[in-house]
Amino acid sequence: MVGLKPWQPPSGLTLSPEVQEFVGKNGFLSPQLTPHLMNVQCENCHGPARAHLLNPEQVKLPLNPRESCTNCHVGSHSPLFNFETYWPKIAHGKESGG
């Protein structure tokens, strides 16, 4: 999962006011709180985009979200993944109607 689950601190931990602000937030928060998400970027799901960035009108990114998601969310790596459940939480761009 790419940070969809809201962050919760380990039980019994006293949090500083600065860290308390992160409780319930999603995605990469900091190297200390969410190190497993530190290098997850758009290209992890969408693939290399240099050509798209240089010429976005001519070079389109793949628009098959199911295929993009299920490249990583498989088997023991993501046993509870269900595309129909998660897609509405992350849908964006033209493939979501935006």
C-alpha atoms as a PDB file:
ATOM      1  CA  MET A   1       0.000   0.000   0.000  1.00  0.00           C
ATOM      2  CA  VAL A   2       1.281   3.481  -0.797  1.00  0.00           C
ATOM      3  CA  GLY A   3       0.318   5.197   2.417  1.00  0.00           C
ATOM      4  CA  LEU A   4      -3.462   4.861   2.223  1.00  0.00           C
ATOM      5  CA  LYS A   5      -3.804   3.701   5.809  1.00  0.00           C
ATOM      6  CA  PRO A   6      -3.832   6.615   8.284  1.00  0.00           C
ATOM      7  CA  TRP A   7      -0.721   6.632  10.471  1.00  0.00           C
ATOM      8  CA  GLN A   8      -1.147   5.651  14.099  1.00  0.00           C
ATOM      9  CA  PRO A   9       1.705   5.793  16.638  1.00  0.00           C
ATOM     10  CA  PRO A  10       2.826   2.662  18.464  1.00  0.00           C
ATOM     11  CA  SER A  11       0.775   2.160  21.629  1.00  0.00           C
ATOM     12  CA  GLY A  12       2.191   3.606  24.820  1.00  0.00           C
ATOM     13  CA  LEU A  13       4.305   6.204  23.030  1.00  0.00           C
ATOM     14  CA  THR A  14       4.170   9.771  24.316  1.00  0.00           C
ATOM     15  CA  LEU A  15       4.059  12.122  21.353  1.00  0.00           C
ATOM     16  CA  SER A  16       5.394  15.630  21.047  1.00  0.00           C
ATOM     17  CA  PRO A  17       2.894  18.196  19.745  1.00  0.00           C
ATOM     18  CA  GLU A  18       4.789  18.246  16.416  1.00  0.00           C
ATOM     19  CA  VAL A  19       4.410  14.468  15.966  1.00  0.00           C
ATOM     20  CA  GLN A  20       0.807  14.465  17.241  1.00  0.00           C
ATOM     21  CA  GLU A  21      -0.138  16.498  14.136  1.00  0.00           C
ATOM     22  CA  PHE A  22       0.692  13.476  11.938  1.00  0.00           C
ATOM     23  CA  VAL A  23      -1.745  11.078  13.627  1.00  0.00           C
ATOM     24  CA  GLY A  24      -4.406  10.033  11.127  1.00  0.00           C
ATOM     25  CA  LYS A  25      -2.604  11.483   8.093  1.00  0.00           C
ATOM     26  CA  ASN A  26      -1.829   9.381   5.017  1.00  0.00           C
ATOM     27  CA  GLY A  27       1.204   8.894   2.807  1.00  0.00           C
ATOM     28  CA  PHE A  28       4.859   9.624   3.484  1.00  0.00           C
ATOM     29  CA  LEU A  29       5.111  11.701   6.645  1.00  0.00           C
ATOM     30  CA  SER A  30       8.799  11.601   7.560  1.00  0.00           C
ATOM     31  CA  PRO A  31      11.773   9.218   7.429  1.00  0.00           C
ATOM     32  CA  GLN A  32      11.254   8.489  11.131  1.00  0.00           C
ATOM     33  CA  LEU A  33       7.486   7.855  11.075  1.00  0.00           C
ATOM     34  CA  THR A  34       6.997   6.167   7.682  1.00  0.00           C
ATOM     35  CA  PRO A  35      10.404   4.967   6.438  1.00  0.00           C
ATOM     36  CA  HIS A  36       8.779   2.235   4.310  1.00  0.00           C
ATOM     37  CA  LEU A  37       7.188   4.941   2.120  1.00  0.00           C
ATOM     38  CA  MET A  38      10.257   7.150   1.787  1.00  0.00           C
ATOM     39  CA  ASN A  39      11.052   6.354  -1.851  1.00  0.00           C
ATOM     40  CA  VAL A  40       7.555   5.713  -3.190  1.00  0.00           C
ATOM     41  CA  GLN A  41       6.920   8.203  -5.964  1.00  0.00           C
ATOM     42  CA  CYS A  42       4.455   8.678  -8.819  1.00  0.00           C
ATOM     43  CA  GLU A  43       6.675   6.576 -11.081  1.00  0.00           C
ATOM     44  CA  ASN A  44       6.310   3.569  -8.784  1.00  0.00           C
ATOM     45  CA  CYS A  45       2.773   3.209 -10.114  1.00  0.00           C
ATOM     46  CA  HIS A  46       2.820   5.129 -13.381  1.00  0.00           C
ATOM     47  CA  GLY A  47       6.252   4.182 -14.724  1.00  0.00           C
ATOM     48  CA  PRO A  48       9.019   6.447 -16.062  1.00  0.00           C
ATOM     49  CA  ALA A  49       7.650   9.821 -17.100  1.00  0.00           C
ATOM     50  CA  ARG A  50      10.583  11.821 -18.482  1.00  0.00           C
ATOM     51  CA  ALA A  51       9.263  11.712 -22.056  1.00  0.00           C
ATOM     52  CA  HIS A  52       5.774  12.644 -20.807  1.00  0.00           C
ATOM     53  CA  LEU A  53       7.118  15.614 -18.862  1.00  0.00           C
ATOM     54  CA  LEU A  54       9.035  16.863 -21.895  1.00  0.00           C
ATOM     55  CA  ASN A  55       6.043  16.511 -24.217  1.00  0.00           C
ATOM     56  CA  PRO A  56       2.809  15.805 -22.270  1.00  0.00           C
ATOM     57  CA  GLU A  57       0.513  16.323 -25.269  1.00  0.00           C
ATOM     58  CA  GLN A  58       2.282  13.740 -27.428  1.00  0.00           C
ATOM     59  CA  VAL A  59       3.455  11.195 -24.848  1.00  0.00           C
ATOM     60  CA  LYS A  60       0.643   9.906 -22.642  1.00  0.00           C
ATOM     61  CA  LEU A  61       1.078   7.811 -19.510  1.00  0.00           C
ATOM     62  CA  PRO A  62      -0.623   4.416 -19.307  1.00  0.00           C
ATOM     63  CA  LEU A  63      -4.244   4.743 -18.204  1.00  0.00           C
ATOM     64  CA  ASN A  64      -4.879   1.206 -17.003  1.00  0.00           C
ATOM     65  CA  PRO A  65      -5.026   1.663 -13.227  1.00  0.00           C
ATOM     66  CA  ARG A  66      -5.933  -1.951 -12.453  1.00  0.00           C
ATOM     67  CA  GLU A  67      -2.861  -3.204 -14.296  1.00  0.00           C
ATOM     68  CA  SER A  68      -0.626  -0.580 -12.695  1.00  0.00           C
ATOM     69  CA  CYS A  69      -1.825  -1.429  -9.172  1.00  0.00           C
ATOM     70  CA  THR A  70      -1.664  -5.180  -9.529  1.00  0.00           C
ATOM     71  CA  ASN A  71       1.947  -5.066 -10.706  1.00  0.00           C
ATOM     72  CA  CYS A  72       2.951  -4.625  -7.052  1.00  0.00           C
ATOM     73  CA  HIS A  73      -0.122  -5.430  -4.968  1.00  0.00           C
ATOM     74  CA  VAL A  74       0.023  -9.212  -5.269  1.00  0.00           C
ATOM     75  CA  GLY A  75       0.384 -12.282  -3.043  1.00  0.00           C
ATOM     76  CA  SER A  76       2.256 -12.016   0.228  1.00  0.00           C
ATOM     77  CA  HIS A  77       3.417  -8.476  -0.607  1.00  0.00           C
ATOM     78  CA  SER A  78      -0.144  -7.169  -0.337  1.00  0.00           C
ATOM     79  CA  PRO A  79      -2.473 -10.013   0.701  1.00  0.00           C
ATOM     80  CA  LEU A  80      -5.507  -7.847   1.515  1.00  0.00           C
ATOM     81  CA  PHE A  81      -5.410  -5.723  -1.635  1.00  0.00           C
ATOM     82  CA  ASN A  82      -8.697  -5.447  -3.489  1.00  0.00           C
ATOM     83  CA  PHE A  83      -8.719  -3.083  -6.472  1.00  0.00           C
ATOM     84  CA  GLU A  84     -12.438  -2.255  -6.188  1.00  0.00           C
ATOM     85  CA  THR A  85     -11.987  -1.250  -2.527  1.00  0.00           C
ATOM     86  CA  TYR A  86      -8.845   0.811  -2.900  1.00  0.00           C
ATOM     87  CA  TRP A  87      -9.256   2.485  -6.288  1.00  0.00           C
ATOM     88  CA  PRO A  88     -11.935   4.981  -5.136  1.00  0.00           C
ATOM     89  CA  LYS A  89      -9.531   6.131  -2.396  1.00  0.00           C
ATOM     90  CA  ILE A  90      -6.700   6.983  -4.792  1.00  0.00           C
ATOM     91  CA  ALA A  91      -8.426   7.667  -8.139  1.00  0.00           C
ATOM     92  CA  HIS A  92      -7.063  10.734  -9.871  1.00  0.00           C
ATOM     93  CA  GLY A  93      -6.470  12.123 -13.335  1.00  0.00           C
ATOM     94  CA  LYS A  94      -8.414  11.266 -16.488  1.00  0.00           C
ATOM     95  CA  GLU A  95      -8.926   7.623 -15.510  1.00  0.00           C
ATOM     96  CA  SER A  96     -11.069   8.783 -12.570  1.00  0.00           C
ATOM     97  CA  GLY A  97     -12.980  11.368 -14.586  1.00  0.00           C
ATOM     98  CA  GLY A  98     -10.863  14.245 -13.170  1.00  0.00           C
END
